[in-house]
Amino acid sequence: MAPEPATPESGDADIAKAFQEIARGEQAASAMENQLTALEQKIDALLASAEAPGASAGSSAAAAPQSDGDVSTTEKR
């Protein structure tokens, strides 16, 4: 059985369907780009807050050990 020959009407319908599918793909791509842009902005804000001076109070305390006034036992006089 041979396939039916394409008529101009069926060709136009196929082209219209293809363009609709392309349009849906473009809409999906645009939505994903918007979501990625929003995520990128959130990441940039988080990085900026982490890099800001004094942003992390715990990091300066960990870098400089606090002394309670006791002399170290390894220190000789």
PDB file of N, CA and C in Angstrom:
ATOM      1  N   MET A   1       0.833  -1.188   0.000  1.00  0.00           N
ATOM      2  CA  MET A   1       0.000   0.000   0.000  1.00  0.00           C
ATOM      3  C   MET A   1       0.879   1.254   0.000  1.00  0.00           C
ATOM      4  N   ALA A   2       0.691   2.099  -0.928  1.00  0.00           N
ATOM      5  CA  ALA A   2       1.451   3.336  -1.036  1.00  0.00           C
ATOM      6  C   ALA A   2       0.759   4.433  -0.239  1.00  0.00           C
ATOM      7  N   PRO A   3       1.551   5.308   0.390  1.00  0.00           N
ATOM      8  CA  PRO A   3       0.929   6.426   1.118  1.00  0.00           C
ATOM      9  C   PRO A   3       0.219   7.351   0.146  1.00  0.00           C
ATOM     10  N   GLU A   4      -0.791   8.012   0.683  1.00  0.00           N
ATOM     11  CA  GLU A   4      -1.552   8.941  -0.157  1.00  0.00           C
ATOM     12  C   GLU A   4      -0.676  10.124  -0.516  1.00  0.00           C
ATOM     13  N   PRO A   5      -0.797  10.625  -1.726  1.00  0.00           N
ATOM     14  CA  PRO A   5      -0.013  11.805  -2.103  1.00  0.00           C
ATOM     15  C   PRO A   5      -0.487  13.020  -1.300  1.00  0.00           C
ATOM     16  N   ALA A   6       0.454  13.870  -0.955  1.00  0.00           N
ATOM     17  CA  ALA A   6       0.125  15.064  -0.175  1.00  0.00           C
ATOM     18  C   ALA A   6      -0.611  16.063  -1.046  1.00  0.00           C
ATOM     19  N   THR A   7      -1.691  16.571  -0.534  1.00  0.00           N
ATOM     20  CA  THR A   7      -2.431  17.623  -1.223  1.00  0.00           C
ATOM     21  C   THR A   7      -1.983  18.956  -0.658  1.00  0.00           C
ATOM     22  N   PRO A   8      -2.194  20.027  -1.367  1.00  0.00           N
ATOM     23  CA  PRO A   8      -1.802  21.332  -0.833  1.00  0.00           C
ATOM     24  C   PRO A   8      -2.443  21.629   0.520  1.00  0.00           C
ATOM     25  N   GLU A   9      -3.690  21.168   0.697  1.00  0.00           N
ATOM     26  CA  GLU A   9      -4.364  21.440   1.967  1.00  0.00           C
ATOM     27  C   GLU A   9      -3.693  20.683   3.110  1.00  0.00           C
ATOM     28  N   SER A  10      -3.340  19.425   2.872  1.00  0.00           N
ATOM     29  CA  SER A  10      -2.709  18.663   3.950  1.00  0.00           C
ATOM     30  C   SER A  10      -1.308  19.188   4.231  1.00  0.00           C
ATOM     31  N   GLY A  11      -0.617  19.669   3.211  1.00  0.00           N
ATOM     32  CA  GLY A  11       0.706  20.266   3.405  1.00  0.00           C
ATOM     33  C   GLY A  11       0.620  21.530   4.234  1.00  0.00           C
ATOM     34  N   ASP A  12      -0.394  22.351   3.950  1.00  0.00           N
ATOM     35  CA  ASP A  12      -0.592  23.580   4.730  1.00  0.00           C
ATOM     36  C   ASP A  12      -0.923  23.249   6.182  1.00  0.00           C
ATOM     37  N   ALA A  13      -1.733  22.212   6.381  1.00  0.00           N
ATOM     38  CA  ALA A  13      -2.094  21.820   7.749  1.00  0.00           C
ATOM     39  C   ALA A  13      -0.868  21.311   8.491  1.00  0.00           C
ATOM     40  N   ASP A  14      -0.019  20.566   7.804  1.00  0.00           N
ATOM     41  CA  ASP A  14       1.209  20.065   8.431  1.00  0.00           C
ATOM     42  C   ASP A  14       2.136  21.210   8.810  1.00  0.00           C
ATOM     43  N   ILE A  15       2.236  22.177   7.922  1.00  0.00           N
ATOM     44  CA  ILE A  15       3.090  23.338   8.198  1.00  0.00           C
ATOM     45  C   ILE A  15       2.532  24.136   9.373  1.00  0.00           C
ATOM     46  N   ALA A  16       1.225  24.315   9.401  1.00  0.00           N
ATOM     47  CA  ALA A  16       0.598  25.050  10.504  1.00  0.00           C
ATOM     48  C   ALA A  16       0.851  24.325  11.824  1.00  0.00           C
ATOM     49  N   LYS A  17       0.718  22.997  11.801  1.00  0.00           N
ATOM     50  CA  LYS A  17       0.962  22.216  13.015  1.00  0.00           C
ATOM     51  C   LYS A  17       2.423  22.346  13.457  1.00  0.00           C
ATOM     52  N   ALA A  18       3.331  22.314  12.516  1.00  0.00           N
ATOM     53  CA  ALA A  18       4.752  22.452  12.835  1.00  0.00           C
ATOM     54  C   ALA A  18       5.038  23.812  13.462  1.00  0.00           C
ATOM     55  N   PHE A  19       4.432  24.867  12.908  1.00  0.00           N
ATOM     56  CA  PHE A  19       4.629  26.200  13.472  1.00  0.00           C
ATOM     57  C   PHE A  19       4.037  26.307  14.882  1.00  0.00           C
ATOM     58  N   GLN A  20       2.917  25.651  15.124  1.00  0.00           N
ATOM     59  CA  GLN A  20       2.325  25.647  16.466  1.00  0.00           C
ATOM     60  C   GLN A  20       3.256  24.955  17.460  1.00  0.00           C
ATOM     61  N   GLU A  21       3.846  23.843  17.031  1.00  0.00           N
ATOM     62  CA  GLU A  21       4.771  23.129  17.909  1.00  0.00           C
ATOM     63  C   GLU A  21       6.018  23.959  18.186  1.00  0.00           C
ATOM     64  N   ILE A  22       6.497  24.655  17.165  1.00  0.00           N
ATOM     65  CA  ILE A  22       7.647  25.542  17.350  1.00  0.00           C
ATOM     66  C   ILE A  22       7.297  26.652  18.329  1.00  0.00           C
ATOM     67  N   ALA A  23       6.107  27.222  18.189  1.00  0.00           N
ATOM     68  CA  ALA A  23       5.674  28.298  19.087  1.00  0.00           C
ATOM     69  C   ALA A  23       5.605  27.802  20.525  1.00  0.00           C
ATOM     70  N   ARG A  24       5.094  26.587  20.724  1.00  0.00           N
ATOM     71  CA  ARG A  24       5.042  26.023  22.087  1.00  0.00           C
ATOM     72  C   ARG A  24       6.445  25.828  22.637  1.00  0.00           C
ATOM     73  N   GLY A  25       7.346  25.362  21.790  1.00  0.00           N
ATOM     74  CA  GLY A  25       8.736  25.188  22.210  1.00  0.00           C
ATOM     75  C   GLY A  25       9.384  26.510  22.579  1.00  0.00           C
ATOM     76  N   GLU A  26       9.097  27.538  21.789  1.00  0.00           N
ATOM     77  CA  GLU A  26       9.633  28.866  22.087  1.00  0.00           C
ATOM     78  C   GLU A  26       9.088  29.397  23.408  1.00  0.00           C
ATOM     79  N   GLN A  27       7.811  29.164  23.663  1.00  0.00           N
ATOM     80  CA  GLN A  27       7.217  29.606  24.931  1.00  0.00           C
ATOM     81  C   GLN A  27       7.852  28.879  26.100  1.00  0.00           C
ATOM     82  N   ALA A  28       8.079  27.577  25.950  1.00  0.00           N
ATOM     83  CA  ALA A  28       8.706  26.800  27.021  1.00  0.00           C
ATOM     84  C   ALA A  28      10.135  27.287  27.254  1.00  0.00           C
ATOM     85  N   ALA A  29      10.863  27.560  26.188  1.00  0.00           N
ATOM     86  CA  ALA A  29      12.232  28.055  26.318  1.00  0.00           C
ATOM     87  C   ALA A  29      12.261  29.418  26.998  1.00  0.00           C
ATOM     88  N   SER A  30      11.327  30.257  26.647  1.00  0.00           N
ATOM     89  CA  SER A  30      11.256  31.587  27.259  1.00  0.00           C
ATOM     90  C   SER A  30      10.953  31.484  28.756  1.00  0.00           C
ATOM     91  N   ALA A  31      10.037  30.596  29.119  1.00  0.00           N
ATOM     92  CA  ALA A  31       9.710  30.405  30.532  1.00  0.00           C
ATOM     93  C   ALA A  31      10.916  29.886  31.306  1.00  0.00           C
ATOM     94  N   MET A  32      11.662  28.958  30.701  1.00  0.00           N
ATOM     95  CA  MET A  32      12.853  28.425  31.373  1.00  0.00           C
ATOM     96  C   MET A  32      13.927  29.494  31.517  1.00  0.00           C
ATOM     97  N   GLU A  33      14.088  30.341  30.501  1.00  0.00           N
ATOM     98  CA  GLU A  33      15.047  31.439  30.595  1.00  0.00           C
ATOM     99  C   GLU A  33      14.682  32.385  31.733  1.00  0.00           C
ATOM    100  N   ASN A  34      13.392  32.682  31.874  1.00  0.00           N
ATOM    101  CA  ASN A  34      12.948  33.559  32.959  1.00  0.00           C
ATOM    102  C   ASN A  34      13.243  32.941  34.321  1.00  0.00           C
ATOM    103  N   GLN A  35      12.999  31.642  34.453  1.00  0.00           N
ATOM    104  CA  GLN A  35      13.284  30.965  35.713  1.00  0.00           C
ATOM    105  C   GLN A  35      14.781  30.956  36.004  1.00  0.00           C
ATOM    106  N   LEU A  36      15.587  30.711  34.983  1.00  0.00           N
ATOM    107  CA  LEU A  36      17.036  30.715  35.177  1.00  0.00           C
ATOM    108  C   LEU A  36      17.548  32.108  35.544  1.00  0.00           C
ATOM    109  N   THR A  37      16.973  33.124  34.949  1.00  0.00           N
ATOM    110  CA  THR A  37      17.360  34.496  35.286  1.00  0.00           C
ATOM    111  C   THR A  37      17.042  34.799  36.749  1.00  0.00           C
ATOM    112  N   ALA A  38      15.867  34.368  37.204  1.00  0.00           N
ATOM    113  CA  ALA A  38      15.492  34.594  38.604  1.00  0.00           C
ATOM    114  C   ALA A  38      16.431  33.841  39.539  1.00  0.00           C
ATOM    115  N   LEU A  39      16.789  32.620  39.186  1.00  0.00           N
ATOM    116  CA  LEU A  39      17.726  31.850  40.009  1.00  0.00           C
ATOM    117  C   LEU A  39      19.098  32.510  40.036  1.00  0.00           C
ATOM    118  N   GLU A  40      19.532  33.005  38.890  1.00  0.00           N
ATOM    119  CA  GLU A  40      20.827  33.676  38.821  1.00  0.00           C
ATOM    120  C   GLU A  40      20.847  34.917  39.714  1.00  0.00           C
ATOM    121  N   GLN A  41      19.755  35.665  39.730  1.00  0.00           N
ATOM    122  CA  GLN A  41      19.673  36.848  40.584  1.00  0.00           C
ATOM    123  C   GLN A  41      19.732  36.464  42.056  1.00  0.00           C
ATOM    124  N   LYS A  42      19.061  35.364  42.423  1.00  0.00           N
ATOM    125  CA  LYS A  42      19.099  34.910  43.816  1.00  0.00           C
ATOM    126  C   LYS A  42      20.502  34.459  44.198  1.00  0.00           C
ATOM    127  N   ILE A  43      21.171  33.743  43.296  1.00  0.00           N
ATOM    128  CA  ILE A  43      22.536  33.292  43.567  1.00  0.00           C
ATOM    129  C   ILE A  43      23.468  34.485  43.714  1.00  0.00           C
ATOM    130  N   ASP A  44      23.336  35.476  42.829  1.00  0.00           N
ATOM    131  CA  ASP A  44      24.164  36.679  42.924  1.00  0.00           C
ATOM    132  C   ASP A  44      23.949  37.394  44.254  1.00  0.00           C
ATOM    133  N   ALA A  45      22.705  37.471  44.701  1.00  0.00           N
ATOM    134  CA  ALA A  45      22.410  38.128  45.975  1.00  0.00           C
ATOM    135  C   ALA A  45      23.021  37.343  47.139  1.00  0.00           C
ATOM    136  N   LEU A  46      22.932  36.028  47.092  1.00  0.00           N
ATOM    137  CA  LEU A  46      23.531  35.210  48.145  1.00  0.00           C
ATOM    138  C   LEU A  46      25.047  35.356  48.172  1.00  0.00           C
ATOM    139  N   LEU A  47      25.666  35.339  47.002  1.00  0.00           N
ATOM    140  CA  LEU A  47      27.120  35.512  46.938  1.00  0.00           C
ATOM    141  C   LEU A  47      27.539  36.888  47.443  1.00  0.00           C
ATOM    142  N   ALA A  48      26.790  37.897  47.076  1.00  0.00           N
ATOM    143  CA  ALA A  48      27.119  39.255  47.527  1.00  0.00           C
ATOM    144  C   ALA A  48      27.008  39.365  49.042  1.00  0.00           C
ATOM    145  N   SER A  49      25.988  38.736  49.616  1.00  0.00           N
ATOM    146  CA  SER A  49      25.838  38.816  51.070  1.00  0.00           C
ATOM    147  C   SER A  49      26.915  37.997  51.781  1.00  0.00           C
ATOM    148  N   ALA A  50      27.369  36.923  51.165  1.00  0.00           N
ATOM    149  CA  ALA A  50      28.422  36.110  51.776  1.00  0.00           C
ATOM    150  C   ALA A  50      29.778  36.791  51.673  1.00  0.00           C
ATOM    151  N   GLU A  51      29.988  37.568  50.617  1.00  0.00           N
ATOM    152  CA  GLU A  51      31.263  38.243  50.416  1.00  0.00           C
ATOM    153  C   GLU A  51      31.337  39.587  51.126  1.00  0.00           C
ATOM    154  N   ALA A  52      30.215  40.099  51.597  1.00  0.00           N
ATOM    155  CA  ALA A  52      30.195  41.401  52.259  1.00  0.00           C
ATOM    156  C   ALA A  52      30.964  41.326  53.571  1.00  0.00           C
ATOM    157  N   PRO A  53      31.728  42.380  53.915  1.00  0.00           N
ATOM    158  CA  PRO A  53      32.466  42.384  55.182  1.00  0.00           C
ATOM    159  C   PRO A  53      31.502  42.321  56.364  1.00  0.00           C
ATOM    160  N   GLY A  54      31.811  41.480  57.307  1.00  0.00           N
ATOM    161  CA  GLY A  54      30.976  41.342  58.489  1.00  0.00           C
ATOM    162  C   GLY A  54      29.709  40.568  58.243  1.00  0.00           C
ATOM    163  N   ALA A  55      29.599  39.939  57.100  1.00  0.00           N
ATOM    164  CA  ALA A  55      28.378  39.198  56.787  1.00  0.00           C
ATOM    165  C   ALA A  55      28.253  37.952  57.642  1.00  0.00           C
ATOM    166  N   SER A  56      29.394  37.392  58.004  1.00  0.00           N
ATOM    167  CA  SER A  56      29.376  36.168  58.794  1.00  0.00           C
ATOM    168  C   SER A  56      30.135  36.415  60.087  1.00  0.00           C
ATOM    169  N   ALA A  57      29.441  36.574  61.192  1.00  0.00           N
ATOM    170  CA  ALA A  57      30.075  36.840  62.479  1.00  0.00           C
ATOM    171  C   ALA A  57      30.886  35.637  62.934  1.00  0.00           C
ATOM    172  N   GLY A  58      30.485  34.446  62.596  1.00  0.00           N
ATOM    173  CA  GLY A  58      31.185  33.236  63.002  1.00  0.00           C
ATOM    174  C   GLY A  58      32.526  33.078  62.330  1.00  0.00           C
ATOM    175  N   SER A  59      32.718  33.615  61.146  1.00  0.00           N
ATOM    176  CA  SER A  59      33.976  33.432  60.435  1.00  0.00           C
ATOM    177  C   SER A  59      35.104  34.208  61.097  1.00  0.00           C
ATOM    178  N   SER A  60      34.852  35.395  61.641  1.00  0.00           N
ATOM    179  CA  SER A  60      35.913  36.153  62.290  1.00  0.00           C
ATOM    180  C   SER A  60      36.261  35.538  63.637  1.00  0.00           C
ATOM    181  N   ALA A  61      35.304  34.953  64.321  1.00  0.00           N
ATOM    182  CA  ALA A  61      35.581  34.298  65.594  1.00  0.00           C
ATOM    183  C   ALA A  61      36.398  33.030  65.386  1.00  0.00           C
ATOM    184  N   ALA A  62      36.163  32.325  64.300  1.00  0.00           N
ATOM    185  CA  ALA A  62      36.907  31.103  64.021  1.00  0.00           C
ATOM    186  C   ALA A  62      38.323  31.427  63.579  1.00  0.00           C
ATOM    187  N   ALA A  63      38.528  32.562  62.936  1.00  0.00           N
ATOM    188  CA  ALA A  63      39.841  32.922  62.428  1.00  0.00           C
ATOM    189  C   ALA A  63      40.765  33.386  63.545  1.00  0.00           C
ATOM    190  N   ALA A  64      40.235  34.055  64.551  1.00  0.00           N
ATOM    191  CA  ALA A  64      41.048  34.557  65.652  1.00  0.00           C
ATOM    192  C   ALA A  64      40.605  33.892  66.950  1.00  0.00           C
ATOM    193  N   PRO A  65      41.446  33.000  67.494  1.00  0.00           N
ATOM    194  CA  PRO A  65      41.061  32.337  68.736  1.00  0.00           C
ATOM    195  C   PRO A  65      40.974  33.350  69.872  1.00  0.00           C
ATOM    196  N   GLN A  66      39.983  33.187  70.710  1.00  0.00           N
ATOM    197  CA  GLN A  66      39.785  34.105  71.814  1.00  0.00           C
ATOM    198  C   GLN A  66      40.585  33.629  73.016  1.00  0.00           C
ATOM    199  N   SER A  67      41.143  34.568  73.724  1.00  0.00           N
ATOM    200  CA  SER A  67      41.937  34.258  74.905  1.00  0.00           C
ATOM    201  C   SER A  67      41.117  34.549  76.149  1.00  0.00           C
ATOM    202  N   ASP A  68      41.199  33.656  77.130  1.00  0.00           N
ATOM    203  CA  ASP A  68      40.470  33.895  78.372  1.00  0.00           C
ATOM    204  C   ASP A  68      41.407  34.392  79.461  1.00  0.00           C
ATOM    205  N   GLY A  69      42.639  34.751  79.076  1.00  0.00           N
ATOM    206  CA  GLY A  69      43.564  35.308  80.039  1.00  0.00           C
ATOM    207  C   GLY A  69      44.525  34.278  80.601  1.00  0.00           C
ATOM    208  N   ASP A  70      44.296  32.999  80.423  1.00  0.00           N
ATOM    209  CA  ASP A  70      45.195  31.970  80.917  1.00  0.00           C
ATOM    210  C   ASP A  70      46.437  31.894  80.046  1.00  0.00           C
ATOM    211  N   VAL A  71      47.549  31.604  80.670  1.00  0.00           N
ATOM    212  CA  VAL A  71      48.792  31.449  79.934  1.00  0.00           C
ATOM    213  C   VAL A  71      48.865  30.024  79.461  1.00  0.00           C
ATOM    214  N   SER A  72      49.313  29.839  78.258  1.00  0.00           N
ATOM    215  CA  SER A  72      49.422  28.505  77.691  1.00  0.00           C
ATOM    216  C   SER A  72      50.426  27.681  78.473  1.00  0.00           C
ATOM    217  N   THR A  73      50.137  26.384  78.616  1.00  0.00           N
ATOM    218  CA  THR A  73      51.055  25.501  79.362  1.00  0.00           C
ATOM    219  C   THR A  73      52.304  25.205  78.572  1.00  0.00           C
ATOM    220  N   THR A  74      52.321  25.435  77.282  1.00  0.00           N
ATOM    221  CA  THR A  74      53.521  25.199  76.494  1.00  0.00           C
ATOM    222  C   THR A  74      54.468  26.388  76.536  1.00  0.00           C
ATOM    223  N   GLU A  75      54.025  27.487  77.033  1.00  0.00           N
ATOM    224  CA  GLU A  75      54.853  28.680  77.102  1.00  0.00           C
ATOM    225  C   GLU A  75      55.721  28.592  78.343  1.00  0.00           C
ATOM    226  N   LYS A  76      57.042  28.802  78.201  1.00  0.00           N
ATOM    227  CA  LYS A  76      57.977  28.753  79.332  1.00  0.00           C
ATOM    228  C   LYS A  76      58.399  30.154  79.674  1.00  0.00           C
ATOM    229  N   ARG A  77      58.616  30.365  81.005  1.00  0.00           N
ATOM    230  CA  ARG A  77      59.072  31.683  81.455  1.00  0.00           C
ATOM    231  C   ARG A  77      60.493  31.633  81.867  1.00  0.00           C
TER     232      ARG A  77
END
